[in-house]
């Protein structure tokens, strides 16, 4: 991932003041408007009336304009999500799924689960080869890889129940962007050049969209028009989610699958439902924590790890100290061991949420943690109680002037999903079936071990690490955050919380601080560049197997000050993202 410097962020501040979205056209903004945009990596964006943080500048601007036009945070979030399907096709999507955390100004917190579901014809051993070994090609790049998409149903449910504007209005910016074209940015150009050649070139429908007639992918600065996607978005605007799950789009998806041996059919699409769930909640040093429940593992394990850490004085240890990193890494080991055994779709397996998030259980784990010596992962087993997704997920956060807050993490799984565009729909399909445990007990390609609870079953939702999270202070929303990063999502979001609460960082400082990660297996402490070499030597001496690896995560976060002022930050580890407000 690319490091993002000050110059780009300052240049966006000029563009943001010059343009607003109205029916997809760029028009001169009417002054005076206080339109805050991130200026450097240590000072957050500041705004009074509303804020959006996303991985794509154009999508962020779409969301801010919806807020300016009177929409609430849910309206803006839905508009951003649809816009990202056009501007960030690596992960933004109609053909994938994800999770939304919502907290209203009155303090009601809810979770919307629009995770994909296994088709009705799915079977437990469908991704095993003749020798009984997991075959990742089947679960990643074949027509078998796609679960029934949930994004359209999830956004429609959120807009209908919690939004204020018509769904058609929220779709219009995305329709215009797809029809008139977007200017390819650095992130999309790079990913088309690398991942596009790997997964899109093999599929004629996909190649026709993302590659030019000379066979080369679109480059930075060139205009990418997606007419078929614009048509699909228009159908949803006119007919609602039925267009996707029962109408013309469903015909295109089911036809594509039938033609090439996929399992998803019209009956699977017609049966799909987004589900509203009770968030996982906990407390940490007087703050309230709300995060995503199963089939996400994120909320349970963020609360579990925070409960363990509450038994230690991290603030006294100091950010980046060997002792603080030791405690956090050891706590993560225990949580990921439990993840391998107990987490799955709650509609199919009983997930012991209360036991995993109890303070007593956390205290028992804390007593096993030795500041001087790391416990080998081989000695840590899932607790005796009373899979992964790729980096190419995306997250966005929204807060409006009333104090409503939304955190959304959604994905196709790997870059561009399965690489398959369904017929003439213009819609890329996910490869989320790879998030099931193809062979329970066997590590997947990321080293995460999955259990029986996450085995493939028809109509089941695969386990996820996506962790859209909202923190409240004194009964009021205080921090809205989330990140992509596969198995590292949980630890990335965890560190945003710990950096903000324990180490007193503002939202930009917490975003920019170097990160580290331990997931039990493999037994290694992954660290970004930026930690003191002396600290890393001390950790090695404690028995941690330290590996310096590339940057992890791409948080998009908003913090609300005691005066109601909004402070936001996009992650400098990614390029072309934007936090903006007004």
Protein backbone atom coordinates (compact mmCIF):
# COMPACT_ATOMS: atom_id res chain seq x y z
CA UNK A 1 0.00 0.00 0.00
CA UNK A 2 1.15 3.49 -0.73
CA UNK A 3 2.15 6.10 1.79
CA UNK A 4 0.07 9.22 1.43
CA UNK A 5 1.66 12.58 1.97
CA UNK A 6 0.48 16.04 2.91
CA UNK A 7 0.39 17.44 -0.60
CA UNK A 8 -2.48 15.28 -1.83
CA UNK A 9 -4.64 16.02 1.17
CA UNK A 10 -4.14 19.77 0.87
CA UNK A 11 -4.98 19.66 -2.85
CA UNK A 12 -8.24 17.91 -2.07
CA UNK A 13 -9.19 20.73 0.26
CA UNK A 14 -9.21 23.05 -2.75
CA UNK A 15 -11.27 20.65 -4.89
CA UNK A 16 -13.74 20.03 -2.11
CA UNK A 17 -14.41 23.75 -1.80
CA UNK A 18 -14.96 24.06 -5.55
CA UNK A 19 -17.33 21.19 -6.26
CA UNK A 20 -20.47 19.63 -4.92
CA UNK A 21 -22.61 16.82 -6.31
CA UNK A 22 -26.04 17.58 -7.65
CA UNK A 23 -27.51 14.95 -9.94
CA UNK A 24 -23.99 13.76 -10.66
CA UNK A 25 -22.83 17.12 -12.07
CA UNK A 26 -19.93 19.07 -10.63
CA UNK A 27 -21.19 22.53 -9.81
CA UNK A 28 -19.66 25.52 -8.09
CA UNK A 29 -20.33 25.35 -4.38
CA UNK A 30 -22.18 28.26 -2.87
CA UNK A 31 -19.96 30.08 -0.39
CA UNK A 32 -19.55 30.48 2.44
CA UNK A 33 -19.14 26.77 3.30
CA UNK A 34 -16.85 25.41 5.99
CA UNK A 35 -15.84 22.17 4.26
CA UNK A 36 -13.18 20.51 6.37
CA UNK A 37 -10.70 18.24 4.63
CA UNK A 38 -7.73 16.46 6.13
CA UNK A 39 -4.63 18.65 5.87
CA UNK A 40 -1.87 16.47 7.32
CA UNK A 41 -1.24 13.23 9.14
CA UNK A 42 -1.35 14.53 12.71
CA UNK A 43 -4.26 16.95 12.75
CA UNK A 44 -7.74 15.60 12.07
CA UNK A 45 -10.33 17.09 9.78
CA UNK A 46 -12.66 19.39 11.70
CA UNK A 47 -16.31 20.01 10.82
CA UNK A 48 -19.47 21.07 12.60
CA UNK A 49 -22.48 19.72 10.72
CA UNK A 50 -21.53 16.34 9.25
CA UNK A 51 -18.62 14.18 8.18
CA UNK A 52 -17.79 11.24 5.93
CA UNK A 53 -14.60 9.18 5.88
CA UNK A 54 -14.09 6.66 3.08
CA UNK A 55 -11.40 5.06 0.95
CA UNK A 56 -12.41 7.07 -2.14
CA UNK A 57 -12.54 10.84 -2.47
CA UNK A 58 -15.43 10.92 -4.94
CA UNK A 59 -17.57 8.64 -2.78
CA UNK A 60 -16.82 10.77 0.28
CA UNK A 61 -17.97 13.88 -1.59
CA UNK A 62 -21.20 12.10 -2.59
CA UNK A 63 -21.90 11.36 1.07
CA UNK A 64 -21.17 14.88 2.24
CA UNK A 65 -23.48 16.32 -0.40
CA UNK A 66 -26.30 14.02 0.74
CA UNK A 67 -25.79 15.38 4.27
CA UNK A 68 -25.82 18.94 2.94
CA UNK A 69 -29.10 18.25 1.16
CA UNK A 70 -30.75 17.22 4.44
CA UNK A 71 -30.14 13.49 4.47
CA UNK A 72 -29.12 11.80 7.69
CA UNK A 73 -26.10 9.57 8.34
CA UNK A 74 -27.88 6.46 7.05
CA UNK A 75 -28.85 8.22 3.81
CA UNK A 76 -25.26 9.35 3.32
CA UNK A 77 -23.84 5.92 4.13
CA UNK A 78 -26.11 4.19 1.62
CA UNK A 79 -25.20 6.73 -1.08
CA UNK A 80 -21.49 6.24 -0.32
CA UNK A 81 -21.87 2.46 -0.48
CA UNK A 82 -23.52 2.56 -3.89
CA UNK A 83 -20.98 5.11 -5.16
CA UNK A 84 -18.08 2.89 -4.08
CA UNK A 85 -19.49 0.10 -6.26
CA UNK A 86 -18.62 2.38 -9.18
CA UNK A 87 -15.50 4.21 -8.02
CA UNK A 88 -13.82 1.44 -6.01
CA UNK A 89 -14.79 -1.83 -7.74
CA UNK A 90 -11.95 -3.66 -5.99
CA UNK A 91 -14.13 -3.88 -2.86
CA UNK A 92 -17.11 -1.52 -3.20
CA UNK A 93 -19.91 -3.62 -4.55
CA UNK A 94 -23.43 -4.67 -5.39
CA UNK A 95 -22.39 -8.31 -5.69
CA UNK A 96 -20.91 -8.79 -2.23
CA UNK A 97 -21.97 -8.13 1.35
CA UNK A 98 -21.00 -6.83 4.75
CA UNK A 99 -22.13 -5.23 7.98
CA UNK A 100 -23.52 -1.90 9.21
CA UNK A 101 -23.37 -0.57 12.77
CA UNK A 102 -25.83 2.23 13.46
CA UNK A 103 -26.25 4.41 16.54
CA UNK A 104 -29.01 6.99 16.56
CA UNK A 105 -28.82 10.40 18.16
CA UNK A 106 -31.10 9.08 20.91
CA UNK A 107 -28.63 6.32 21.76
CA UNK A 108 -30.27 3.32 20.13
CA UNK A 109 -27.62 1.03 18.64
CA UNK A 110 -28.33 -1.71 16.12
CA UNK A 111 -26.46 -3.92 13.63
CA UNK A 112 -27.53 -4.80 10.09
CA UNK A 113 -26.10 -8.06 8.78
CA UNK A 114 -26.02 -8.23 4.98
CA UNK A 115 -23.36 -10.92 4.80
CA UNK A 116 -23.52 -13.28 1.81
CA UNK A 117 -25.18 -16.70 2.17
CA UNK A 118 -24.15 -20.07 0.75
CA UNK A 119 -26.39 -21.20 -2.14
CA UNK A 120 -28.91 -23.93 -1.46
CA UNK A 121 -26.88 -26.44 -3.47
CA UNK A 122 -23.69 -25.80 -1.46
CA UNK A 123 -22.17 -28.82 0.29
CA UNK A 124 -19.64 -29.32 3.05
CA UNK A 125 -16.85 -30.78 0.88
CA UNK A 126 -17.43 -28.73 -2.26
CA UNK A 127 -13.96 -27.16 -2.17
CA UNK A 128 -11.95 -30.35 -1.63
CA UNK A 129 -9.93 -31.99 -4.40
CA UNK A 130 -9.78 -35.71 -5.18
CA UNK A 131 -7.24 -36.19 -2.40
CA UNK A 132 -9.48 -34.50 0.16
CA UNK A 133 -7.39 -31.32 0.37
CA UNK A 134 -8.80 -27.78 0.20
CA UNK A 135 -8.51 -26.31 -3.32
CA UNK A 136 -8.38 -22.52 -3.10
CA UNK A 137 -8.90 -22.11 -6.86
CA UNK A 138 -12.39 -23.54 -6.49
CA UNK A 139 -13.24 -21.22 -3.58
CA UNK A 140 -11.61 -18.08 -4.96
CA UNK A 141 -11.79 -17.85 -8.76
CA UNK A 142 -14.40 -20.34 -9.95
CA UNK A 143 -18.18 -19.83 -10.30
CA UNK A 144 -18.49 -21.91 -7.11
CA UNK A 145 -16.83 -19.10 -5.16
CA UNK A 146 -19.82 -16.75 -4.99
CA UNK A 147 -22.28 -16.60 -2.14
CA UNK A 148 -25.68 -14.95 -2.55
CA UNK A 149 -24.99 -11.18 -2.36
CA UNK A 150 -26.43 -9.09 0.47
CA UNK A 151 -25.33 -5.51 -0.18
CA UNK A 152 -28.44 -4.31 -2.02
CA UNK A 153 -30.77 -5.85 0.57
CA UNK A 154 -28.75 -4.41 3.44
CA UNK A 155 -28.64 -0.88 2.07
CA UNK A 156 -32.33 -1.00 1.15
CA UNK A 157 -33.27 -2.18 4.66
CA UNK A 158 -31.18 0.55 6.29
CA UNK A 159 -32.62 3.27 4.05
CA UNK A 160 -36.21 2.11 4.46
CA UNK A 161 -36.07 1.78 8.24
CA UNK A 162 -33.62 4.48 9.29
CA UNK A 163 -33.12 6.84 6.35
CA UNK A 164 -35.10 9.94 5.38
CA UNK A 165 -34.60 10.20 1.61
CA UNK A 166 -35.95 7.98 -1.20
CA UNK A 167 -33.69 5.12 -2.26
CA UNK A 168 -33.77 6.45 -5.82
CA UNK A 169 -32.17 9.72 -4.70
CA UNK A 170 -29.43 7.84 -2.85
CA UNK A 171 -28.64 5.81 -5.97
CA UNK A 172 -28.57 8.74 -8.38
CA UNK A 173 -24.96 9.84 -7.79
CA UNK A 174 -23.75 6.26 -8.41
CA UNK A 175 -25.88 6.01 -11.57
CA UNK A 176 -24.39 9.24 -12.92
CA UNK A 177 -20.84 8.18 -12.06
CA UNK A 178 -21.27 4.85 -13.83
CA UNK A 179 -22.99 6.35 -16.89
CA UNK A 180 -20.75 9.38 -17.40
CA UNK A 181 -17.57 7.68 -16.21
CA UNK A 182 -15.02 8.13 -13.48
CA UNK A 183 -11.44 9.26 -13.82
CA UNK A 184 -9.28 6.29 -12.84
CA UNK A 185 -7.24 7.12 -9.73
CA UNK A 186 -3.95 5.70 -8.45
CA UNK A 187 -5.52 2.94 -6.37
CA UNK A 188 -7.75 1.59 -9.15
CA UNK A 189 -5.03 1.86 -11.80
CA UNK A 190 -2.56 -0.04 -9.64
CA UNK A 191 -5.05 -2.77 -8.74
CA UNK A 192 -6.23 -3.22 -12.33
CA UNK A 193 -2.63 -3.56 -13.44
CA UNK A 194 -1.82 -6.18 -10.82
CA UNK A 195 -4.95 -8.00 -9.64
CA UNK A 196 -7.04 -7.19 -12.69
CA UNK A 197 -4.66 -9.09 -14.92
CA UNK A 198 -4.90 -12.07 -12.58
CA UNK A 199 -8.68 -12.32 -12.12
CA UNK A 200 -10.50 -10.15 -14.68
CA UNK A 201 -8.79 -11.03 -17.96
CA UNK A 202 -10.06 -14.62 -17.79
CA UNK A 203 -13.70 -13.50 -17.98
CA UNK A 204 -14.95 -11.80 -21.20
CA UNK A 205 -17.66 -9.75 -19.44
CA UNK A 206 -15.12 -8.39 -16.97
CA UNK A 207 -12.42 -7.79 -19.55
CA UNK A 208 -14.84 -5.77 -21.66
CA UNK A 209 -15.40 -3.33 -18.78
CA UNK A 210 -12.00 -2.90 -17.17
CA UNK A 211 -9.65 -3.38 -20.16
CA UNK A 212 -9.39 -1.30 -23.31
CA UNK A 213 -9.70 -2.65 -26.84
CA UNK A 214 -5.91 -3.04 -27.05
CA UNK A 215 -6.02 -5.46 -24.11
CA UNK A 216 -4.44 -3.15 -21.54
CA UNK A 217 -6.12 -2.09 -18.29
CA UNK A 218 -7.33 1.45 -17.78
CA UNK A 219 -4.60 3.74 -16.47
CA UNK A 220 -4.57 6.66 -14.08
CA UNK A 221 -6.31 9.69 -15.55
CA UNK A 222 -8.32 7.74 -18.14
CA UNK A 223 -12.10 7.67 -18.03
CA UNK A 224 -13.84 4.41 -17.14
CA UNK A 225 -17.49 4.20 -18.18
CA UNK A 226 -19.67 1.37 -16.81
CA UNK A 227 -22.92 1.52 -18.80
CA UNK A 228 -24.21 -1.91 -17.80
CA UNK A 229 -23.66 -1.14 -14.12
CA UNK A 230 -25.47 2.18 -14.60
CA UNK A 231 -28.43 0.26 -16.03
CA UNK A 232 -28.47 -2.13 -13.06
CA UNK A 233 -28.30 0.74 -10.59
CA UNK A 234 -31.15 2.47 -12.44
CA UNK A 235 -33.28 -0.68 -12.19
CA UNK A 236 -32.73 -0.77 -8.42
CA UNK A 237 -33.60 2.95 -8.19
CA UNK A 238 -36.84 2.34 -10.09
CA UNK A 239 -37.92 -1.01 -8.67
CA UNK A 240 -36.10 -1.29 -5.35
CA UNK A 241 -34.21 -4.41 -4.23
CA UNK A 242 -36.67 -6.67 -6.10
CA UNK A 243 -34.85 -5.71 -9.30
CA UNK A 244 -31.74 -7.35 -7.92
CA UNK A 245 -33.25 -10.38 -6.19
CA UNK A 246 -36.21 -11.24 -8.42
CA UNK A 247 -36.04 -9.20 -11.62
CA UNK A 248 -33.74 -8.58 -14.56
CA UNK A 249 -30.55 -8.50 -12.50
CA UNK A 250 -31.41 -11.81 -10.83
CA UNK A 251 -31.85 -13.30 -14.31
CA UNK A 252 -28.37 -12.13 -15.32
CA UNK A 253 -26.73 -13.50 -12.16
CA UNK A 254 -28.50 -16.85 -12.26
CA UNK A 255 -27.87 -17.17 -16.00
CA UNK A 256 -24.15 -16.56 -15.53
CA UNK A 257 -23.96 -19.17 -12.81
CA UNK A 258 -25.94 -21.77 -14.76
CA UNK A 259 -23.84 -21.29 -17.87
CA UNK A 260 -20.53 -21.86 -16.09
CA UNK A 261 -21.32 -24.35 -13.36
CA UNK A 262 -22.01 -22.03 -10.43
CA UNK A 263 -24.50 -22.96 -7.73
CA UNK A 264 -26.36 -19.70 -7.12
CA UNK A 265 -29.82 -19.66 -8.68
CA UNK A 266 -32.90 -17.45 -8.76
CA UNK A 267 -34.35 -19.25 -5.73
CA UNK A 268 -31.25 -18.31 -3.68
CA UNK A 269 -31.55 -14.67 -4.70
CA UNK A 270 -35.28 -14.52 -4.02
CA UNK A 271 -34.80 -16.06 -0.57
CA UNK A 272 -32.04 -13.68 0.58
CA UNK A 273 -32.79 -11.43 3.56
CA UNK A 274 -30.68 -8.87 5.39
CA UNK A 275 -30.98 -9.35 9.15
CA UNK A 276 -31.04 -6.80 11.96
CA UNK A 277 -29.14 -8.07 15.00
CA UNK A 278 -28.33 -6.98 18.54
CA UNK A 279 -24.78 -5.58 18.62
CA UNK A 280 -22.09 -7.11 20.79
CA UNK A 281 -21.51 -4.66 23.62
CA UNK A 282 -19.12 -4.22 26.49
CA UNK A 283 -17.37 -1.61 28.58
CA UNK A 284 -13.75 -0.51 28.66
CA UNK A 285 -12.44 1.90 31.28
CA UNK A 286 -15.85 3.58 31.49
CA UNK A 287 -16.51 3.71 27.74
CA UNK A 288 -19.26 1.70 26.05
CA UNK A 289 -18.21 -0.50 23.12
CA UNK A 290 -20.63 -1.57 20.37
CA UNK A 291 -19.49 -3.82 17.55
CA UNK A 292 -20.68 -6.43 15.09
CA UNK A 293 -22.11 -9.72 16.38
CA UNK A 294 -21.75 -13.12 14.64
CA UNK A 295 -21.43 -14.08 11.87
CA UNK A 296 -18.71 -11.51 12.41
CA UNK A 297 -16.10 -12.56 14.94
CA UNK A 298 -14.97 -8.95 15.26
CA UNK A 299 -17.23 -7.61 17.99
CA UNK A 300 -16.88 -10.57 20.34
CA UNK A 301 -13.11 -10.63 20.15
CA UNK A 302 -12.62 -6.86 20.34
CA UNK A 303 -14.67 -6.85 23.56
CA UNK A 304 -12.88 -9.98 24.80
CA UNK A 305 -9.42 -8.49 24.23
CA UNK A 306 -10.41 -5.16 25.78
CA UNK A 307 -11.71 -7.03 28.83
CA UNK A 308 -8.32 -8.72 29.19
CA UNK A 309 -6.43 -5.45 28.73
CA UNK A 310 -8.53 -3.74 31.39
CA UNK A 311 -6.54 -5.75 33.94
CA UNK A 312 -3.32 -3.93 32.95
CA UNK A 313 -2.24 -0.28 33.16
CA UNK A 314 -1.40 0.30 29.51
CA UNK A 315 -1.24 4.07 29.91
CA UNK A 316 1.53 3.69 32.47
CA UNK A 317 3.40 1.26 30.23
CA UNK A 318 3.24 3.74 27.34
CA UNK A 319 2.50 3.42 23.65
CA UNK A 320 5.03 1.32 21.77
CA UNK A 321 6.65 -0.05 24.91
CA UNK A 322 7.67 -3.69 24.96
CA UNK A 323 5.43 -4.36 27.97
CA UNK A 324 2.31 -2.85 26.37
CA UNK A 325 2.90 -4.72 23.12
CA UNK A 326 3.55 -7.94 25.03
CA UNK A 327 0.27 -7.72 26.93
CA UNK A 328 -1.77 -6.89 23.84
CA UNK A 329 -0.16 -9.60 21.72
CA UNK A 330 -0.70 -12.27 24.38
CA UNK A 331 -4.34 -11.24 24.78
CA UNK A 332 -4.80 -11.49 21.01
CA UNK A 333 -3.45 -15.06 21.00
CA UNK A 334 -6.13 -16.25 23.39
CA UNK A 335 -8.91 -14.50 21.47
CA UNK A 336 -7.88 -15.95 18.10
CA UNK A 337 -7.61 -19.43 19.62
CA UNK A 338 -11.23 -19.09 20.78
CA UNK A 339 -12.22 -17.78 17.34
CA UNK A 340 -11.03 -20.99 15.73
CA UNK A 341 -13.34 -23.09 17.87
CA UNK A 342 -16.51 -21.20 18.72
CA UNK A 343 -17.39 -18.66 16.02
CA UNK A 344 -19.81 -19.20 13.15
CA UNK A 345 -23.23 -18.23 11.81
CA UNK A 346 -25.51 -17.92 14.89
CA UNK A 347 -28.45 -19.20 12.82
CA UNK A 348 -26.63 -22.55 12.57
CA UNK A 349 -24.42 -22.88 15.65
CA UNK A 350 -24.69 -21.71 19.25
CA UNK A 351 -22.02 -19.05 19.72
CA UNK A 352 -21.11 -18.63 23.43
CA UNK A 353 -21.08 -14.82 23.21
CA UNK A 354 -21.74 -14.13 26.89
CA UNK A 355 -19.02 -16.48 28.04
CA UNK A 356 -16.44 -15.13 25.59
CA UNK A 357 -17.17 -11.51 26.54
CA UNK A 358 -17.47 -11.97 30.31
CA UNK A 359 -15.15 -9.98 32.59
CA UNK A 360 -14.51 -13.08 34.70
CA UNK A 361 -13.28 -15.10 31.73
CA UNK A 362 -11.05 -12.21 30.67
CA UNK A 363 -9.58 -11.93 34.16
CA UNK A 364 -8.73 -15.62 34.15
CA UNK A 365 -6.87 -15.16 30.87
CA UNK A 366 -5.13 -12.01 32.15
CA UNK A 367 -3.74 -13.98 35.07
CA UNK A 368 -2.00 -16.29 32.60
CA UNK A 369 -0.18 -13.44 30.84
CA UNK A 370 3.47 -13.05 31.82
CA UNK A 371 5.00 -9.64 31.11
CA UNK A 372 8.45 -11.23 30.94
CA UNK A 373 7.75 -14.26 28.80
CA UNK A 374 5.56 -14.99 25.78
CA UNK A 375 3.51 -18.16 25.93
CA UNK A 376 4.07 -20.30 22.79
CA UNK A 377 0.91 -20.58 20.68
CA UNK A 378 1.25 -24.36 20.83
CA UNK A 379 0.46 -24.14 24.54
CA UNK A 380 -2.69 -22.05 24.01
CA UNK A 381 -5.92 -23.86 23.24
CA UNK A 382 -9.49 -22.60 22.87
CA UNK A 383 -10.78 -21.77 26.34
CA UNK A 384 -13.01 -24.03 28.37
CA UNK A 385 -16.10 -21.88 28.55
CA UNK A 386 -19.16 -21.78 30.99
CA UNK A 387 -11.34 -17.96 8.02
CA UNK A 388 -10.58 -15.11 6.91
CA UNK A 389 -11.19 -12.41 4.28
CA UNK A 390 -8.63 -10.60 2.23
CA UNK A 391 -7.25 -7.10 2.75
CA UNK A 392 -9.45 -5.86 -0.06
CA UNK A 393 -12.44 -5.02 2.06
CA UNK A 394 -13.42 -1.38 2.53
CA UNK A 395 -14.83 0.64 5.42
CA UNK A 396 -16.53 4.01 5.71
CA UNK A 397 -17.87 6.07 8.61
CA UNK A 398 -20.53 8.81 8.67
CA UNK A 399 -21.85 11.19 11.35
CA UNK A 400 -24.57 13.78 10.77
CA UNK A 401 -25.47 17.04 12.50
CA UNK A 402 -28.08 15.35 14.73
CA UNK A 403 -25.49 12.91 16.08
CA UNK A 404 -26.59 9.80 14.17
CA UNK A 405 -23.56 7.62 13.39
CA UNK A 406 -23.00 4.81 10.89
CA UNK A 407 -20.03 2.48 10.42
CA UNK A 408 -20.06 0.17 7.38
CA UNK A 409 -17.57 -2.52 6.38
CA UNK A 410 -18.33 -4.45 3.20
CA UNK A 411 -16.46 -6.43 0.56
CA UNK A 412 -16.25 -8.78 -2.39
CA UNK A 413 -13.52 -10.64 -0.43
CA UNK A 414 -10.35 -10.53 -2.56
CA UNK A 415 -9.66 -7.75 -5.06
CA UNK A 416 -12.52 -7.71 -7.62
CA UNK A 417 -14.01 -10.81 -5.93
CA UNK A 418 -14.20 -13.86 -8.17
CA UNK A 419 -13.45 -11.63 -11.15
CA UNK A 420 -16.75 -12.68 -12.73
CA UNK A 421 -19.17 -10.03 -13.99
CA UNK A 422 -22.66 -11.52 -14.15
CA UNK A 423 -23.90 -11.40 -17.72
CA UNK A 424 -24.82 -7.89 -18.86
CA UNK A 425 -25.38 -6.60 -15.32
CA UNK A 426 -21.98 -4.93 -14.95
CA UNK A 427 -21.89 -6.39 -11.42
CA UNK A 428 -18.79 -8.14 -10.10
CA UNK A 429 -19.56 -11.20 -7.98
CA UNK A 430 -17.94 -12.01 -4.67
CA UNK A 431 -15.77 -14.99 -3.72
CA UNK A 432 -16.95 -15.07 -0.10
CA UNK A 433 -17.47 -18.85 -0.10
CA UNK A 434 -13.73 -18.95 0.59
CA UNK A 435 -14.44 -17.55 4.05
CA UNK A 436 -15.95 -20.86 5.11
CA UNK A 437 -13.68 -23.54 6.56
CA UNK A 438 -13.23 -25.67 3.45
CA UNK A 439 -11.72 -28.35 5.67
CA UNK A 440 -12.35 -27.70 9.39
CA UNK A 441 -9.19 -27.82 11.49
CA UNK A 442 -6.91 -27.02 8.56
CA UNK A 443 -5.33 -23.53 8.34
CA UNK A 444 -6.39 -21.46 5.37
CA UNK A 445 -3.93 -19.52 3.21
CA UNK A 446 -3.76 -16.76 5.83
CA UNK A 447 -2.92 -19.24 8.58
CA UNK A 448 -6.27 -18.90 10.35
CA UNK A 449 -7.72 -22.14 11.62
CA UNK A 450 -11.47 -22.65 11.28
CA UNK A 451 -13.64 -25.20 13.03
CA UNK A 452 -16.83 -27.13 12.52
CA UNK A 453 -18.83 -24.03 13.45
CA UNK A 454 -17.76 -22.43 10.15
CA UNK A 455 -18.13 -25.47 7.86
CA UNK A 456 -19.99 -25.00 4.55
CA UNK A 457 -23.77 -25.45 4.75
CA UNK A 458 -26.61 -24.28 2.48
CA UNK A 459 -28.03 -20.82 3.37
CA UNK A 460 -25.28 -20.31 5.95
CA UNK A 461 -23.30 -17.06 6.28
CA UNK A 462 -19.49 -17.47 6.40
CA UNK A 463 -17.54 -16.23 9.40
CA UNK A 464 -16.05 -12.76 9.05
CA UNK A 465 -13.57 -10.53 10.83
CA UNK A 466 -15.23 -7.29 9.70
CA UNK A 467 -15.66 -5.07 12.75
CA UNK A 468 -17.54 -1.79 12.24
CA UNK A 469 -17.39 -0.32 15.74
CA UNK A 470 -18.92 2.58 17.67
CA UNK A 471 -17.65 3.76 21.06
CA UNK A 472 -19.82 5.87 23.40
CA UNK A 473 -18.64 8.12 26.24
CA UNK A 474 -21.04 9.35 28.91
CA UNK A 475 -23.93 8.00 26.87
CA UNK A 476 -22.99 9.87 23.70
CA UNK A 477 -21.33 8.58 20.55
CA UNK A 478 -17.60 9.31 20.75
CA UNK A 479 -15.76 7.26 18.10
CA UNK A 480 -16.92 5.65 14.84
CA UNK A 481 -14.34 3.41 13.20
CA UNK A 482 -13.54 0.29 11.22
CA UNK A 483 -11.05 -1.11 8.73
CA UNK A 484 -10.34 -3.68 6.05
CA UNK A 485 -7.46 -6.09 6.59
CA UNK A 486 -8.71 -9.69 6.71
CA UNK A 487 -7.64 -11.41 9.89
CA UNK A 488 -5.98 -8.15 10.97
CA UNK A 489 -9.25 -6.16 11.03
CA UNK A 490 -9.88 -7.07 14.67
CA UNK A 491 -6.46 -5.98 15.89
CA UNK A 492 -6.46 -2.83 13.75
CA UNK A 493 -9.78 -1.64 15.18
CA UNK A 494 -8.66 -2.70 18.66
CA UNK A 495 -5.61 -0.45 18.39
CA UNK A 496 -7.72 2.51 17.27
CA UNK A 497 -9.70 2.10 20.50
CA UNK A 498 -6.67 1.55 22.75
CA UNK A 499 -4.69 4.38 21.15
CA UNK A 500 -7.58 6.76 21.71
CA UNK A 501 -8.55 5.72 25.25
CA UNK A 502 -5.35 4.46 26.89
CA UNK A 503 -2.78 6.60 25.12
CA UNK A 504 -4.86 9.77 24.71
CA UNK A 505 -4.29 10.19 20.98
CA UNK A 506 -6.52 12.29 18.78
CA UNK A 507 -8.19 10.48 15.89
CA UNK A 508 -5.42 11.35 13.41
CA UNK A 509 -2.65 10.30 15.78
CA UNK A 510 -4.44 7.04 16.58
CA UNK A 511 -4.86 6.39 12.86
CA UNK A 512 -1.23 7.05 12.00
CA UNK A 513 0.42 5.19 14.87
CA UNK A 514 2.28 2.02 13.77
CA UNK A 515 0.34 -1.23 14.23
CA UNK A 516 1.07 -4.81 15.22
CA UNK A 517 -0.83 -8.07 15.11
CA UNK A 518 -0.87 -11.59 16.55
CA UNK A 519 -3.47 -14.16 15.50
CA UNK A 520 -2.30 -17.21 17.55
CA UNK A 521 -1.36 -19.24 14.46
CA UNK A 522 1.11 -18.79 12.93
CA UNK A 523 3.05 -17.98 16.10
CA UNK A 524 4.48 -14.66 15.01
CA UNK A 525 4.12 -11.04 16.06
CA UNK A 526 3.64 -9.02 12.90
CA UNK A 527 4.73 -5.36 13.22
CA UNK A 528 4.76 -2.40 10.88
CA UNK A 529 7.82 -0.24 10.45
CA UNK A 530 7.97 2.57 13.00
CA UNK A 531 8.53 0.78 16.29
CA UNK A 532 11.84 1.26 18.08
CA UNK A 533 14.44 -1.41 17.23
CA UNK A 534 15.18 -1.56 20.96
CA UNK A 535 11.53 -2.41 21.65
CA UNK A 536 11.57 -5.18 19.06
CA UNK A 537 14.73 -6.64 20.63
CA UNK A 538 13.06 -6.64 24.04
CA UNK A 539 10.04 -8.43 22.56
CA UNK A 540 12.30 -11.03 21.00
CA UNK A 541 13.92 -11.52 24.38
CA UNK A 542 10.46 -12.14 25.85
CA UNK A 543 9.96 -14.95 23.34
CA UNK A 544 7.91 -13.15 20.67
CA UNK A 545 8.70 -14.13 17.08
CA UNK A 546 8.80 -10.65 15.56
CA UNK A 547 8.36 -10.14 11.81
CA UNK A 548 8.38 -6.69 10.21
CA UNK A 549 5.72 -6.75 7.49
CA UNK A 550 3.98 -4.22 5.19
CA UNK A 551 1.38 -1.79 6.50
CA UNK A 552 -1.91 -3.20 7.75
CA UNK A 553 -5.41 -1.78 7.73
CA UNK A 554 -7.08 1.30 6.30
CA UNK A 555 -9.14 2.89 9.04
CA UNK A 556 -11.74 5.56 8.29
CA UNK A 557 -12.68 7.16 11.60
CA UNK A 558 -14.68 10.02 13.10
CA UNK A 559 -14.47 11.26 16.69
CA UNK A 560 -17.05 13.55 18.29
CA UNK A 561 -15.74 16.14 20.74
CA UNK A 562 -17.54 17.17 23.95
CA UNK A 563 -18.72 20.31 22.15
CA UNK A 564 -20.25 18.26 19.33
CA UNK A 565 -17.49 19.19 16.89
CA UNK A 566 -16.53 16.37 14.50
CA UNK A 567 -12.92 15.28 14.02
CA UNK A 568 -12.03 12.73 11.36
CA UNK A 569 -9.10 10.98 9.74
CA UNK A 570 -8.46 8.71 6.78
CA UNK A 571 -5.60 6.24 6.86
CA UNK A 572 -2.30 7.39 5.28
CA UNK A 573 -1.54 3.75 4.43
CA UNK A 574 -3.90 4.01 1.45
CA UNK A 575 -4.09 6.39 -1.48
CA UNK A 576 -7.07 8.33 -2.87
CA UNK A 577 -9.08 8.19 0.36
CA UNK A 578 -10.71 11.27 1.86
CA UNK A 579 -12.27 12.50 5.08
CA UNK A 580 -14.46 15.56 4.55
CA UNK A 581 -17.19 17.46 6.33
CA UNK A 582 -19.07 20.73 6.33
